[in-house]
Amino acid sequence: DEILPYLKYWPSGTSGKAIYHYVQIYRS
């Protein structure tokens, strides 16, 4: 089991720009 922090990249709303989001997922 581990918590895996990483940066995810996807378009942000209607701004037309893409941004990085800090995401934590739990992987067992």
Protein backbone atom coordinates (compact mmCIF):
# COMPACT_ATOMS: atom_id res chain seq x y z
CA ASP A 1 0.00 0.00 0.00
CA GLU A 2 1.26 3.48 -0.79
CA ILE A 3 0.12 7.01 -1.40
CA LEU A 4 1.46 8.22 -4.69
CA PRO A 5 1.76 11.97 -5.23
CA TYR A 6 2.21 13.23 -8.79
CA LEU A 7 1.46 16.10 -11.10
CA LYS A 8 -1.33 15.67 -13.61
CA TYR A 9 -1.69 17.83 -16.68
CA TRP A 10 -5.03 18.67 -18.24
CA PRO A 11 -6.97 21.58 -19.78
CA SER A 12 -8.44 24.03 -17.33
CA GLY A 13 -12.05 24.94 -17.99
CA THR A 14 -12.76 27.51 -20.69
CA SER A 15 -9.49 29.35 -20.24
CA GLY A 16 -8.05 27.43 -23.16
CA LYS A 17 -4.91 26.87 -21.16
CA ALA A 18 -3.66 23.66 -19.61
CA ILE A 19 -2.45 23.57 -16.04
CA TYR A 20 -0.78 21.15 -13.69
CA HIS A 21 -2.73 19.77 -10.77
CA TYR A 22 -1.17 18.10 -7.76
CA VAL A 23 -2.85 14.77 -7.27
CA GLN A 24 -2.54 12.08 -4.64
CA ILE A 25 -3.73 8.56 -5.33
CA TYR A 26 -3.81 5.57 -3.04
CA ARG A 27 -2.42 2.41 -4.58
CA SER A 28 -2.63 -0.90 -2.74
